[in-house]
Structures are given as C-alpha cells and as structure tokens.
Protein backbone atom coordinates (compact mmCIF):
# COMPACT_ATOMS: atom_id res chain seq x y z
CA MET A 1 11.64 4.85 1.87
CA LYS A 2 9.45 7.69 3.00
CA CYS A 3 6.96 6.84 5.76
CA ILE A 4 3.59 8.48 6.32
CA ALA A 5 1.77 7.54 9.52
CA VAL A 6 -2.05 7.62 9.55
CA TYR A 7 -3.45 7.57 13.08
CA THR A 8 -6.60 5.46 12.93
CA SER A 9 -7.52 1.82 13.45
CA ASN A 10 -10.52 2.13 11.11
CA PHE A 11 -9.62 0.36 7.84
CA GLU A 12 -12.67 1.67 5.99
CA LEU A 13 -11.82 5.27 6.88
CA PHE A 14 -8.16 4.68 5.99
CA SER A 15 -9.23 3.31 2.60
CA ASP A 16 -11.46 6.33 1.98
CA ILE A 17 -8.63 8.83 2.54
CA TYR A 18 -5.66 6.76 1.24
CA GLU A 19 -5.19 8.53 -2.13
CA GLN A 20 -5.63 11.93 -0.50
CA VAL A 21 -3.01 11.04 2.14
CA ILE A 22 -0.34 9.92 -0.31
CA ASN A 23 -0.95 13.00 -2.46
CA THR A 24 -0.76 15.46 0.45
CA PRO A 25 2.58 17.28 0.47
CA LEU A 26 4.25 16.98 3.87
CA ALA A 27 7.59 18.23 5.15
CA GLU A 28 9.62 15.88 7.34
CA ASN A 29 7.97 15.47 10.77
CA GLU A 30 5.00 17.60 9.66
CA GLU A 31 1.49 16.71 10.82
CA LYS A 32 -1.77 17.49 9.03
CA VAL A 33 -5.40 16.50 9.50
CA VAL A 34 -7.20 14.81 6.60
CA GLU A 35 -10.94 14.16 7.02
CA GLY A 36 -10.51 14.39 10.80
CA ILE A 37 -7.57 11.93 10.89
CA THR A 38 -4.06 13.02 11.86
CA ILE A 39 -1.32 12.08 9.42
CA SER A 40 2.39 12.74 9.75
CA GLU A 41 5.50 12.42 7.65
CA SER A 42 7.89 10.25 9.63
CA GLY A 43 10.95 10.72 7.44
CA GLU A 44 13.13 8.05 5.92
CA VAL A 45 12.78 4.48 7.18
CA PRO A 46 15.37 1.77 6.55
CA GLU A 47 14.27 -1.38 4.71
CA ASN A 48 15.17 -3.57 7.71
CA TYR A 49 12.47 -1.81 9.80
CA ILE A 50 9.81 -2.95 7.34
CA GLN A 51 11.17 -6.50 7.29
CA LYS A 52 11.26 -6.63 11.10
CA MET A 53 7.68 -5.33 11.40
CA LYS A 54 6.40 -7.84 8.80
CA MET A 55 7.50 -10.68 11.08
CA LYS A 56 5.34 -9.56 14.01
CA PRO A 57 2.03 -11.44 14.28
CA GLU A 58 0.06 -8.32 15.26
CA VAL A 59 1.06 -6.45 12.08
CA VAL A 60 -1.11 -6.56 8.96
CA VAL A 61 0.90 -6.14 5.75
CA MET A 62 -0.64 -4.75 2.56
CA LYS A 63 1.08 -4.06 -0.75
CA GLU A 64 0.12 -1.80 -3.63
CA LYS A 65 2.09 -3.53 -6.37
CA ASP A 66 1.59 -0.94 -9.13
CA ARG A 67 3.42 1.74 -7.14
CA ASN A 68 5.51 -0.58 -4.92
CA ILE A 69 3.93 0.94 -1.80
CA THR A 70 3.90 -1.12 1.41
CA ILE A 71 1.33 -0.48 4.14
CA LEU A 72 1.65 -1.83 7.67
CA GLN A 73 -1.25 -1.67 10.10
CA HIS A 74 -0.70 -2.23 13.80
CA GLY A 75 -2.55 -0.92 16.80
CA GLU A 76 -4.02 2.51 16.09
CA VAL A 77 -1.77 3.37 13.12
CA PHE A 78 -1.27 2.63 9.45
CA GLU A 79 2.25 3.22 8.12
CA ILE A 80 2.54 3.89 4.39
CA PHE A 81 6.02 3.30 2.93
CA ILE A 82 6.61 5.02 -0.40
CA PRO A 83 9.82 4.32 -2.36
CA GLU A 84 11.85 7.33 -3.52
CA ALA A 85 11.26 6.45 -7.21
CA GLU A 86 7.49 6.79 -6.70
CA LEU A 87 7.90 10.17 -5.01
CA VAL A 88 9.69 11.53 -8.07
CA THR A 89 6.84 10.50 -10.40
CA ARG A 90 4.07 12.11 -8.30
C-alpha cells in the first residue's frame, strides 16, 4: 500500500483537503504543500504496519470503504493508505 502523510492534527482541515491530497501526484519521498499543510509520499507500507498501528489506543482508524482506503490519525499526522489497485484506477 502507498502511504501519504498529512502533517496536521486538525480533522476539519484534513477533511477539507482530503480529495485534493489523494489526487496530488507525488514521487516517492516527495513533499508538497496543499492549502498550507505539508503532505509527503512515504512509499510502500507493509500491511502488518497498519495492523500494528490499529491496535494502539492513541490511533484513530478511519476507512473509506468505496475505495478501500485506510486512514490513521495519531499525534500531528494523518496517514492515508491507498491500495495499489486504487492507484491504477485514478
């Protein structure tokens, strides 16, 4: 899964820029600024990382079922996990 990190703790702001973030082309380890918020492409993440993070009490887990996208929020960052199949269809 591809991971995009969004560096904010503000859920409302994250929600406002979410579609723009997932539609922004990023090279691996590239950073960009969207609406004043830094985002970065963190490369491929193994499935076990997501499972491990879901077990932590300080992590909020969100799921976009239509596109099978998982979002983890912890501390000052949202991590968006996009499956390879979804990347092909974008």
